[in-house]
Amino acid sequence: MNPSRPYECTGIGPRAFTRRELLQSVSAGFGWMAFSALTSQAAAAEKSPLAPKPPHFPARAKRIIFLAMQGGPAHQDMFDYKPKLKEDHGKPSGIRGGNKLVGSPFEFRQHGQGGLWISELFPELSTHADELCLLRSMHTDIPNHPQAFVQMHTGSAQFVRPSMGAWVLYGLGTENENLPGFITIAPPLAQGGAQNYGSSFLPAFYQGTRIGSAKEKGEGDAPAGSSQIPNLRNSDLPPDLQRKQLDLVQAMNHDYLVKTSGNKEVEGVIQSFELAFRMQTEVPKVMDISRESAATLKMYGIGEGQTDGFGRQCLMARRCMEAGVRFVELCHPGWDQHQGLSARLRANCTAIDKPIAALIHDLKTTGLLKDTLIIWGGEFGRTPDSRRDDGRDHNAKGYTMWMAGGGVKGGTSYGATDDYGYKAVENPVHIHDLHATALHMLGLDHEKLTYRYAGRDFRLTDVHGKIVKDILS
């Protein structure tokens, strides 16, 4: 007898099996598979990395909707009123040789009790002015789309880093185990691509789940309205057989996980497979907007041409928030307007104005707005001058983003650019500060939300970031 294995006979003659080995061997090991699945599911329920986690301190918000406007929206024409720029239209700018100042072709009015200046391009959104906090002194590092867009999402323009959504999911987990905790709708395939919603060195189950994609050239609206998560259904196998098939695969994955001493990449695969199986029943319900009333569809502009695509995105975002998704990003491309600004900017704003207003209205009505943080903006802004009469160039020195909902002072503006909207001159807010502030609203200390990789502790804000406390409610 082998003293370390008392039920095994050595030498010549029949060999006795342990109960574990018997389960693994008899009937092709299906008994072992079932047992392994039960134990692995029980263990996952106890220590799932996607389970809800407590914040570092009491949170103002529980979830985020990020409205990403790819291309660099012209802030002087939407939220940063510059009467002197309009007065000096056509004069030499003095900023770059040969360029002339371009005044806004759009009229501005004050809205809400806070008297926020918002242009005529947002007739619907302006009715919710008292929910908005305009950050009019944003600035970032590089006025090039790929680098700035990636930095807006990950905090770094030079290195591959986890996206903001991945950091939020890592810090807080998700409130619905049958749905992805981080969903991105119609992200651009260019300008960093998957890096903008990736998890980098964080485990793979923290990356965003992509639904649809934006148009390559970024003109007009994104074709995400009726997009679905690919390969969600298996047309060849019913759910019970899929479960058995997955149990076999997961048994081998768990065995490899043990052999590799808890390899995070293998753990990520295991969690992703389980989530994908559960998503088959939950995701179609969330994405099915056919049960919404005709009045709701109309409010979002669904079925109305210009507003249909982004309206569907906004409605799906609301449904995801209701279902417990932690972070949802919507993307609208086409804001890189070096020429044809008047017509193209009006078309862009028309496409998003009604849907965003409907989203805010819906979240207010259901009570979700008070703990849902909405962030709107692009990777940078536009210059006050140009060599063309009807266009603006890239500008990373000063631009506008806005927040609404969970934890911000509505009806307010913070910071300012100069008289022409070129540079942030009052209370400048860097993209690192925006990230630090957003995490703070979720109850996360941006200096403590770290992940050790390659011998050092990394965070979304790297070694930077200041919380903009004056905008907190």
Protein backbone atom coordinates (compact mmCIF):
# COMPACT_ATOMS: atom_id res chain seq x y z
CA MET A 1 0.00 0.00 0.00
CA ASN A 2 1.07 3.52 -0.63
CA PRO A 3 0.78 5.32 2.74
CA SER A 4 0.03 8.64 1.05
CA ARG A 5 -2.83 7.06 -0.93
CA PRO A 6 -4.32 4.30 1.28
CA TYR A 7 -6.90 3.18 -1.28
CA GLU A 8 -4.39 2.53 -4.04
CA CYS A 9 -2.80 -0.89 -4.44
CA THR A 10 0.71 -0.97 -5.84
CA GLY A 11 2.49 -3.70 -7.66
CA ILE A 12 0.87 -6.45 -9.67
CA GLY A 13 -2.90 -6.91 -9.44
CA PRO A 14 -6.07 -4.83 -9.68
CA ARG A 15 -5.88 -1.15 -8.73
CA ALA A 16 -8.43 0.50 -6.42
CA PHE A 17 -9.61 4.05 -7.23
CA THR A 18 -10.33 6.95 -4.93
CA ARG A 19 -13.84 8.37 -5.05
CA ARG A 20 -12.48 11.46 -6.82
CA GLU A 21 -10.79 9.35 -9.49
CA LEU A 22 -13.92 7.24 -9.89
CA LEU A 23 -16.04 10.33 -10.59
CA GLN A 24 -13.46 11.51 -13.08
CA SER A 25 -13.38 8.20 -14.93
CA VAL A 26 -16.84 6.61 -14.92
CA SER A 27 -19.32 7.58 -17.68
CA ALA A 28 -16.76 9.82 -19.38
CA GLY A 29 -16.37 11.81 -16.20
CA PHE A 30 -19.80 13.48 -16.33
CA GLY A 31 -20.34 12.89 -12.63
CA TRP A 32 -17.10 14.70 -11.89
CA MET A 33 -18.07 17.51 -14.24
CA ALA A 34 -21.37 18.04 -12.42
CA PHE A 35 -19.68 17.94 -9.04
CA SER A 36 -16.95 20.33 -10.24
CA ALA A 37 -19.53 22.75 -11.64
CA LEU A 38 -21.46 22.81 -8.35
CA THR A 39 -18.35 23.43 -6.27
CA SER A 40 -16.93 26.02 -8.64
CA GLN A 41 -20.23 27.92 -8.75
CA ALA A 42 -20.42 27.87 -4.96
CA ALA A 43 -16.87 29.18 -4.71
CA ALA A 44 -17.59 31.85 -7.32
CA ALA A 45 -20.63 33.01 -5.36
CA GLU A 46 -18.42 33.48 -2.31
CA LYS A 47 -15.55 35.34 -3.92
CA SER A 48 -16.62 36.54 -7.36
CA PRO A 49 -14.41 39.47 -8.42
CA LEU A 50 -17.48 41.02 -10.08
CA ALA A 51 -19.60 40.94 -6.93
CA PRO A 52 -20.61 44.35 -5.50
CA LYS A 53 -17.87 45.90 -3.37
CA PRO A 54 -18.21 48.65 -0.76
CA PRO A 55 -16.78 52.05 -1.75
CA HIS A 56 -13.97 53.67 0.22
CA PHE A 57 -16.41 56.20 1.69
CA PRO A 58 -20.11 57.11 1.28
CA ALA A 59 -20.82 57.65 -2.40
CA ARG A 60 -22.87 60.34 -4.11
CA ALA A 61 -23.33 58.20 -7.23
CA LYS A 62 -23.61 54.47 -7.87
CA ARG A 63 -23.19 54.35 -11.63
CA ILE A 64 -21.94 56.37 -14.62
CA ILE A 65 -23.22 57.14 -18.11
CA PHE A 66 -20.42 58.57 -20.26
CA LEU A 67 -21.55 60.38 -23.42
CA ALA A 68 -18.38 60.47 -25.54
CA MET A 69 -18.44 62.91 -28.46
CA GLN A 70 -15.56 61.81 -30.68
CA GLY A 71 -13.83 64.51 -32.73
CA GLY A 72 -13.52 67.57 -30.48
CA PRO A 73 -16.84 69.47 -30.12
CA ALA A 74 -16.67 73.24 -30.68
CA HIS A 75 -17.30 74.58 -27.16
CA GLN A 76 -17.56 78.23 -28.28
CA ASP A 77 -20.64 77.31 -30.30
CA MET A 78 -22.45 75.30 -27.63
CA PHE A 79 -21.67 75.93 -23.95
CA ASP A 80 -18.93 78.58 -23.75
CA TYR A 81 -20.50 81.92 -24.66
CA LYS A 82 -17.91 84.33 -26.11
CA PRO A 83 -19.51 87.62 -27.23
CA LYS A 84 -16.10 89.23 -27.83
CA LEU A 85 -15.18 86.45 -30.24
CA LYS A 86 -18.31 87.23 -32.23
CA GLU A 87 -17.56 90.95 -32.06
CA ASP A 88 -14.03 90.42 -33.41
CA HIS A 89 -15.04 87.94 -36.12
CA GLY A 90 -12.71 88.15 -39.13
CA LYS A 91 -9.89 89.95 -37.33
CA PRO A 92 -6.36 88.47 -37.19
CA SER A 93 -6.32 86.14 -34.23
CA GLY A 94 -2.77 86.77 -33.03
CA ILE A 95 -2.73 83.12 -31.96
CA ARG A 96 -1.39 81.54 -35.13
CA GLY A 97 -0.06 83.46 -38.10
CA GLY A 98 -2.49 83.99 -40.95
CA ASN A 99 -5.53 82.79 -39.03
CA LYS A 100 -8.64 84.88 -38.46
CA LEU A 101 -11.06 84.79 -35.58
CA VAL A 102 -14.29 82.88 -36.17
CA GLY A 103 -17.26 84.11 -34.18
CA SER A 104 -20.06 81.70 -33.41
CA PRO A 105 -22.88 81.71 -35.98
CA PHE A 106 -25.31 80.58 -33.27
CA GLU A 107 -27.28 82.60 -30.75
CA PHE A 108 -26.92 82.08 -27.00
CA ARG A 109 -29.48 82.52 -24.25
CA GLN A 110 -29.49 82.05 -20.49
CA HIS A 111 -31.44 79.09 -19.16
CA GLY A 112 -32.71 77.82 -15.83
CA GLN A 113 -32.51 79.39 -12.40
CA GLY A 114 -28.73 79.36 -12.67
CA GLY A 115 -28.81 81.40 -15.88
CA LEU A 116 -26.47 79.08 -17.80
CA TRP A 117 -25.51 80.34 -21.25
CA ILE A 118 -26.38 77.63 -23.79
CA SER A 119 -26.64 78.05 -27.55
CA GLU A 120 -29.69 77.57 -29.74
CA LEU A 121 -28.29 74.19 -30.80
CA PHE A 122 -29.74 72.57 -27.66
CA PRO A 123 -33.39 73.62 -27.32
CA GLU A 124 -34.34 70.37 -25.52
CA LEU A 125 -31.29 69.94 -23.31
CA SER A 126 -31.45 73.58 -22.19
CA THR A 127 -34.78 72.85 -20.48
CA HIS A 128 -32.72 70.75 -18.05
CA ALA A 129 -30.14 73.48 -17.47
CA ASP A 130 -30.61 73.30 -13.70
CA GLU A 131 -29.33 69.72 -13.76
CA LEU A 132 -26.12 70.61 -15.63
CA CYS A 133 -22.72 71.54 -14.24
CA LEU A 134 -20.63 73.04 -17.06
CA LEU A 135 -16.88 72.53 -16.71
CA ARG A 136 -15.70 75.40 -18.90
CA SER A 137 -12.00 75.16 -18.11
CA MET A 138 -11.10 71.67 -19.25
CA HIS A 139 -7.67 71.06 -20.78
CA THR A 140 -5.63 68.06 -21.84
CA ASP A 141 -2.14 67.35 -23.17
CA ILE A 142 -2.20 66.58 -26.90
CA PRO A 143 -4.42 68.11 -29.65
CA ASN A 144 -4.39 64.94 -31.77
CA HIS A 145 -7.46 62.69 -31.89
CA PRO A 146 -5.99 59.21 -31.24
CA GLN A 147 -3.83 60.25 -28.28
CA ALA A 148 -6.38 62.60 -26.72
CA PHE A 149 -9.29 60.17 -27.12
CA VAL A 150 -7.32 57.38 -25.47
CA GLN A 151 -6.18 59.71 -22.68
CA MET A 152 -9.77 60.76 -22.03
CA HIS A 153 -10.63 57.09 -21.55
CA THR A 154 -7.53 55.71 -19.83
CA GLY A 155 -5.64 58.66 -18.37
CA SER A 156 -2.58 58.01 -20.55
CA ALA A 157 -1.72 58.95 -24.12
CA GLN A 158 1.58 57.07 -24.18
CA PHE A 159 0.95 53.66 -22.62
CA VAL A 160 -1.74 50.99 -22.68
CA ARG A 161 -3.74 51.42 -19.48
CA PRO A 162 -7.12 50.21 -18.18
CA SER A 163 -10.09 52.33 -19.23
CA MET A 164 -12.12 54.40 -16.81
CA GLY A 165 -15.02 51.94 -17.02
CA ALA A 166 -12.71 49.03 -16.20
CA TRP A 167 -11.34 50.86 -13.15
CA VAL A 168 -14.89 51.58 -11.94
CA LEU A 169 -15.91 47.94 -12.35
CA TYR A 170 -12.72 46.82 -10.58
CA GLY A 171 -13.41 49.19 -7.70
CA LEU A 172 -17.13 48.59 -7.21
CA GLY A 173 -18.11 45.36 -8.97
CA THR A 174 -21.52 45.04 -10.58
CA GLU A 175 -25.07 44.90 -9.25
CA ASN A 176 -26.35 42.30 -11.75
CA GLU A 177 -24.37 39.07 -12.14
CA ASN A 178 -26.21 38.25 -15.38
CA LEU A 179 -25.13 41.40 -17.22
CA PRO A 180 -21.78 42.94 -18.04
CA GLY A 181 -20.85 45.56 -15.46
CA PHE A 182 -19.38 47.78 -18.19
CA ILE A 183 -21.06 48.24 -21.59
CA THR A 184 -19.89 50.46 -24.44
CA ILE A 185 -22.33 51.23 -27.25
CA ALA A 186 -21.06 52.16 -30.72
CA PRO A 187 -17.40 52.89 -29.84
CA PRO A 188 -15.17 53.97 -32.74
CA LEU A 189 -13.05 51.26 -34.32
CA ALA A 190 -10.28 53.83 -34.83
CA GLN A 191 -8.89 56.42 -32.36
CA GLY A 192 -7.54 53.72 -30.06
CA GLY A 193 -10.26 51.16 -30.77
CA ALA A 194 -10.62 48.52 -28.07
CA GLN A 195 -8.07 50.27 -25.90
CA ASN A 196 -10.75 52.82 -24.98
CA TYR A 197 -12.84 50.18 -23.24
CA GLY A 198 -10.16 47.59 -22.49
CA SER A 199 -8.86 46.37 -19.15
CA SER A 200 -5.13 46.30 -20.04
CA PHE A 201 -3.35 44.62 -17.11
CA LEU A 202 -6.53 44.36 -15.04
CA PRO A 203 -8.18 40.91 -15.33
CA ALA A 204 -10.11 40.51 -18.58
CA PHE A 205 -13.53 40.34 -16.95
CA TYR A 206 -13.26 44.08 -16.15
CA GLN A 207 -13.14 45.14 -19.81
CA GLY A 208 -16.15 46.68 -21.53
CA THR A 209 -18.63 44.65 -23.58
CA ARG A 210 -18.99 46.26 -27.00
CA ILE A 211 -22.37 46.65 -28.67
CA GLY A 212 -22.11 47.87 -32.26
CA SER A 213 -19.48 50.33 -33.50
CA ALA A 214 -19.31 53.87 -34.80
CA LYS A 215 -18.78 54.67 -38.46
CA GLU A 216 -15.16 54.70 -39.54
CA LYS A 217 -15.25 58.22 -40.97
CA GLY A 218 -17.41 59.57 -38.18
CA GLU A 219 -19.97 61.44 -40.22
CA GLY A 220 -23.53 61.55 -38.94
CA ASP A 221 -24.95 59.18 -36.38
CA ALA A 222 -23.62 55.85 -35.17
CA PRO A 223 -25.31 52.67 -36.45
CA ALA A 224 -25.83 51.16 -33.01
CA GLY A 225 -29.57 51.46 -32.61
CA SER A 226 -30.45 47.87 -33.45
CA SER A 227 -27.03 46.31 -32.78
CA GLN A 228 -26.76 43.24 -30.60
CA ILE A 229 -23.92 41.56 -28.75
CA PRO A 230 -22.44 39.12 -31.31
CA ASN A 231 -22.54 35.36 -30.77
CA LEU A 232 -24.86 35.69 -27.79
CA ARG A 233 -27.13 32.81 -28.79
CA ASN A 234 -26.21 29.26 -29.77
CA SER A 235 -28.63 28.08 -32.44
CA ASP A 236 -27.27 24.52 -32.37
CA LEU A 237 -27.62 23.62 -28.68
CA PRO A 238 -30.40 24.18 -26.14
CA PRO A 239 -29.39 25.79 -22.79
CA ASP A 240 -29.15 22.50 -20.83
CA LEU A 241 -26.71 20.99 -23.32
CA GLN A 242 -24.76 24.26 -23.49
CA ARG A 243 -24.43 24.08 -19.70
CA LYS A 244 -23.03 20.55 -19.90
CA GLN A 245 -20.62 21.57 -22.65
CA LEU A 246 -19.49 24.57 -20.64
CA ASP A 247 -19.05 22.43 -17.51
CA LEU A 248 -16.59 20.25 -19.40
CA VAL A 249 -14.61 23.26 -20.62
CA GLN A 250 -14.68 24.92 -17.20
CA ALA A 251 -13.49 21.72 -15.49
CA MET A 252 -10.38 21.82 -17.68
CA ASN A 253 -10.02 25.57 -17.11
CA HIS A 254 -10.20 25.13 -13.34
CA ASP A 255 -7.62 22.36 -13.49
CA TYR A 256 -5.30 24.63 -15.44
CA LEU A 257 -5.99 27.46 -13.00
CA VAL A 258 -4.76 25.28 -10.14
CA LYS A 259 -1.68 24.23 -12.10
CA THR A 260 -0.81 27.86 -12.84
CA SER A 261 -1.27 28.95 -9.22
CA GLY A 262 -4.27 31.18 -9.85
CA ASN A 263 -3.24 32.80 -13.15
CA LYS A 264 -5.35 35.96 -13.53
CA GLU A 265 -5.78 35.53 -17.28
CA VAL A 266 -7.19 32.02 -16.81
CA GLU A 267 -9.43 33.29 -14.03
CA GLY A 268 -10.63 35.99 -16.41
CA VAL A 269 -11.52 33.39 -19.05
CA ILE A 270 -13.48 31.35 -16.50
CA GLN A 271 -15.46 34.36 -15.30
CA SER A 272 -16.08 35.56 -18.86
CA PHE A 273 -17.45 32.18 -19.96
CA GLU A 274 -19.83 32.03 -17.01
CA LEU A 275 -21.02 35.59 -17.59
CA ALA A 276 -21.54 34.91 -21.31
CA PHE A 277 -23.73 31.90 -20.50
CA ARG A 278 -25.88 33.89 -18.05
CA MET A 279 -26.17 36.83 -20.45
CA GLN A 280 -28.19 34.77 -22.94
CA THR A 281 -31.36 35.20 -20.91
CA GLU A 282 -30.86 38.66 -19.41
CA VAL A 283 -29.32 40.74 -22.21
CA PRO A 284 -32.10 40.31 -24.81
CA LYS A 285 -34.64 41.57 -22.26
CA VAL A 286 -32.61 44.70 -21.52
CA MET A 287 -31.96 45.48 -25.17
CA ASP A 288 -35.52 44.87 -26.34
CA ILE A 289 -37.09 48.31 -26.55
CA SER A 290 -40.25 47.05 -28.28
CA ARG A 291 -42.06 46.99 -24.94
CA GLU A 292 -41.51 50.70 -24.41
CA SER A 293 -44.54 52.92 -24.94
CA ALA A 294 -45.01 54.93 -28.12
CA ALA A 295 -44.73 58.09 -26.02
CA THR A 296 -41.33 57.00 -24.69
CA LEU A 297 -40.00 56.16 -28.14
CA LYS A 298 -41.15 59.54 -29.41
CA MET A 299 -39.55 61.35 -26.46
CA TYR A 300 -36.18 59.80 -27.36
CA GLY A 301 -36.63 60.60 -31.06
CA ILE A 302 -36.64 56.94 -32.08
CA GLY A 303 -37.93 56.50 -35.61
CA GLU A 304 -37.33 60.17 -36.45
CA GLY A 305 -34.32 60.05 -38.76
CA GLN A 306 -31.52 62.13 -37.27
CA THR A 307 -32.30 61.24 -33.67
CA ASP A 308 -33.09 57.55 -34.12
CA GLY A 309 -29.60 56.08 -33.64
CA PHE A 310 -28.51 58.05 -30.61
CA GLY A 311 -32.04 57.91 -29.22
CA ARG A 312 -31.81 54.12 -29.16
CA GLN A 313 -28.44 54.35 -27.45
CA CYS A 314 -29.79 56.64 -24.75
CA LEU A 315 -32.82 54.47 -24.16
CA MET A 316 -30.63 51.37 -23.88
CA ALA A 317 -28.44 53.27 -21.40
CA ARG A 318 -31.47 53.99 -19.24
CA ARG A 319 -32.53 50.34 -19.35
CA CYS A 320 -28.99 49.24 -18.43
CA MET A 321 -28.98 51.60 -15.45
CA GLU A 322 -32.30 50.15 -14.28
CA ALA A 323 -30.90 46.62 -14.66
CA GLY A 324 -27.85 47.30 -12.49
CA VAL A 325 -25.06 47.93 -15.01
CA ARG A 326 -22.32 49.98 -13.36
CA PHE A 327 -20.82 51.90 -16.32
CA VAL A 328 -22.32 52.61 -19.76
CA GLU A 329 -20.61 54.58 -22.50
CA LEU A 330 -22.38 55.94 -25.57
CA CYS A 331 -20.38 57.31 -28.47
CA HIS A 332 -21.33 59.79 -31.14
CA PRO A 333 -18.71 60.55 -33.84
CA GLY A 334 -18.24 63.30 -36.40
CA TRP A 335 -17.29 66.40 -34.38
CA ASP A 336 -14.01 67.13 -36.20
CA GLN A 337 -15.26 70.18 -38.10
CA HIS A 338 -12.41 72.04 -39.79
CA GLN A 339 -14.91 73.28 -42.37
CA GLY A 340 -18.65 73.32 -42.87
CA LEU A 341 -19.03 74.00 -39.16
CA SER A 342 -22.43 75.70 -39.27
CA ALA A 343 -24.30 72.87 -40.97
CA ARG A 344 -22.35 69.93 -39.59
CA LEU A 345 -22.40 71.07 -35.97
CA ARG A 346 -26.12 71.75 -36.17
CA ALA A 347 -26.69 68.23 -37.51
CA ASN A 348 -24.63 66.69 -34.72
CA CYS A 349 -26.41 68.62 -32.00
CA THR A 350 -29.81 67.81 -33.47
CA ALA A 351 -28.93 64.10 -33.35
CA ILE A 352 -28.09 64.14 -29.62
CA ASP A 353 -30.17 66.99 -28.14
CA LYS A 354 -33.56 65.30 -27.87
CA PRO A 355 -32.22 61.88 -26.80
CA ILE A 356 -30.04 63.30 -24.01
CA ALA A 357 -32.89 65.47 -22.76
CA ALA A 358 -35.14 62.39 -22.72
CA LEU A 359 -32.51 60.41 -20.82
CA ILE A 360 -32.22 63.09 -18.12
CA HIS A 361 -36.01 63.35 -17.90
CA ASP A 362 -36.42 59.58 -17.55
CA LEU A 363 -33.74 59.26 -14.89
CA LYS A 364 -35.28 62.15 -12.94
CA THR A 365 -38.74 60.61 -13.16
CA THR A 366 -37.57 57.23 -11.88
CA GLY A 367 -35.35 58.74 -9.19
CA LEU A 368 -32.18 57.30 -10.73
CA LEU A 369 -30.61 60.65 -11.62
CA LYS A 370 -29.76 61.42 -8.00
CA ASP A 371 -27.25 58.54 -7.92
CA THR A 372 -26.37 58.30 -11.63
CA LEU A 373 -23.52 60.50 -12.83
CA ILE A 374 -23.74 61.62 -16.47
CA ILE A 375 -20.56 62.91 -18.13
CA TRP A 376 -20.65 64.56 -21.57
CA GLY A 377 -17.71 65.70 -23.68
CA GLY A 378 -15.04 65.03 -26.27
CA GLU A 379 -11.29 64.53 -26.27
CA PHE A 380 -10.64 68.28 -26.65
CA GLY A 381 -12.25 71.44 -28.02
CA ARG A 382 -11.79 73.76 -31.01
CA THR A 383 -9.78 76.89 -31.69
CA PRO A 384 -11.37 80.35 -31.90
CA ASP A 385 -9.57 80.92 -35.20
CA SER A 386 -9.03 79.18 -38.51
CA ARG A 387 -7.75 79.68 -42.02
CA ARG A 388 -11.28 78.88 -43.17
CA ASP A 389 -14.34 81.06 -42.62
CA ASP A 390 -16.59 78.25 -41.42
CA GLY A 391 -14.45 75.88 -39.39
CA ARG A 392 -12.30 75.44 -36.30
CA ASP A 393 -9.10 73.50 -35.60
CA HIS A 394 -8.01 71.29 -32.69
CA ASN A 395 -7.57 72.88 -29.27
CA ALA A 396 -6.39 71.05 -26.12
CA LYS A 397 -5.75 74.22 -24.08
CA GLY A 398 -9.35 74.97 -23.17
CA TYR A 399 -12.78 73.40 -23.77
CA THR A 400 -16.04 72.39 -22.09
CA MET A 401 -17.42 69.18 -20.67
CA TRP A 402 -20.46 68.85 -18.45
CA MET A 403 -21.77 66.63 -15.70
CA ALA A 404 -25.27 66.01 -14.40
CA GLY A 405 -26.86 63.90 -11.71
CA GLY A 406 -25.27 61.99 -8.86
CA GLY A 407 -23.38 64.39 -6.68
CA VAL A 408 -22.87 67.54 -8.78
CA LYS A 409 -24.27 71.03 -8.27
CA GLY A 410 -26.79 71.55 -11.03
CA GLY A 411 -27.37 74.89 -12.73
CA THR A 412 -23.74 75.92 -12.27
CA SER A 413 -20.60 76.50 -14.29
CA TYR A 414 -17.03 76.06 -13.11
CA GLY A 415 -13.88 77.66 -14.49
CA ALA A 416 -13.46 79.81 -17.57
CA THR A 417 -11.45 80.21 -20.73
CA ASP A 418 -10.16 83.54 -22.07
CA ASP A 419 -12.35 85.95 -24.05
CA TYR A 420 -11.94 83.86 -27.20
CA GLY A 421 -12.26 80.41 -25.63
CA TYR A 422 -8.70 79.45 -26.48
CA LYS A 423 -7.11 78.68 -23.10
CA ALA A 424 -8.39 77.75 -19.63
CA VAL A 425 -7.51 80.72 -17.41
CA GLU A 426 -9.74 80.29 -14.35
CA ASN A 427 -9.78 77.12 -12.23
CA PRO A 428 -8.33 74.87 -14.96
CA VAL A 429 -9.49 71.23 -14.85
CA HIS A 430 -7.21 68.61 -16.39
CA ILE A 431 -8.58 65.28 -17.62
CA HIS A 432 -6.82 63.69 -14.60
CA ASP A 433 -8.88 65.97 -12.35
CA LEU A 434 -12.08 64.91 -14.11
CA HIS A 435 -11.21 61.25 -13.51
CA ALA A 436 -10.35 61.88 -9.86
CA THR A 437 -13.64 63.75 -9.36
CA ALA A 438 -15.76 61.09 -11.06
CA LEU A 439 -14.22 58.36 -8.91
CA HIS A 440 -14.76 60.50 -5.82
CA MET A 441 -18.47 60.78 -6.61
CA LEU A 442 -18.59 56.98 -6.71
CA GLY A 443 -17.03 56.83 -3.26
CA LEU A 444 -13.62 55.80 -4.59
CA ASP A 445 -10.35 57.44 -3.54
CA HIS A 446 -8.40 57.77 -6.78
CA GLU A 447 -5.12 57.46 -4.88
CA LYS A 448 -6.19 54.20 -3.20
CA LEU A 449 -7.84 52.54 -6.19
CA THR A 450 -4.66 50.80 -7.34
CA TYR A 451 -3.58 47.57 -8.98
CA ARG A 452 -0.11 46.14 -8.63
CA TYR A 453 1.49 45.30 -11.95
CA ALA A 454 5.12 44.91 -13.04
CA GLY A 455 6.37 45.84 -9.60
CA ARG A 456 4.43 49.06 -9.03
CA ASP A 457 0.97 50.24 -8.07
CA PHE A 458 -0.97 51.75 -10.98
CA ARG A 459 -4.09 53.94 -10.86
CA LEU A 460 -6.35 55.72 -13.34
CA THR A 461 -4.88 59.13 -12.50
CA ASP A 462 -1.26 57.89 -12.40
CA VAL A 463 0.53 60.39 -10.11
CA HIS A 464 -1.86 63.25 -10.87
CA GLY A 465 -5.45 64.29 -10.26
CA LYS A 466 -7.21 66.78 -7.97
CA ILE A 467 -10.84 66.49 -6.93
CA VAL A 468 -12.90 69.49 -8.07
CA LYS A 469 -14.67 69.91 -4.74
CA ASP A 470 -16.48 73.12 -5.68
CA ILE A 471 -18.84 71.27 -8.02
CA LEU A 472 -19.92 68.69 -5.43
CA SER A 473 -23.42 69.00 -4.03
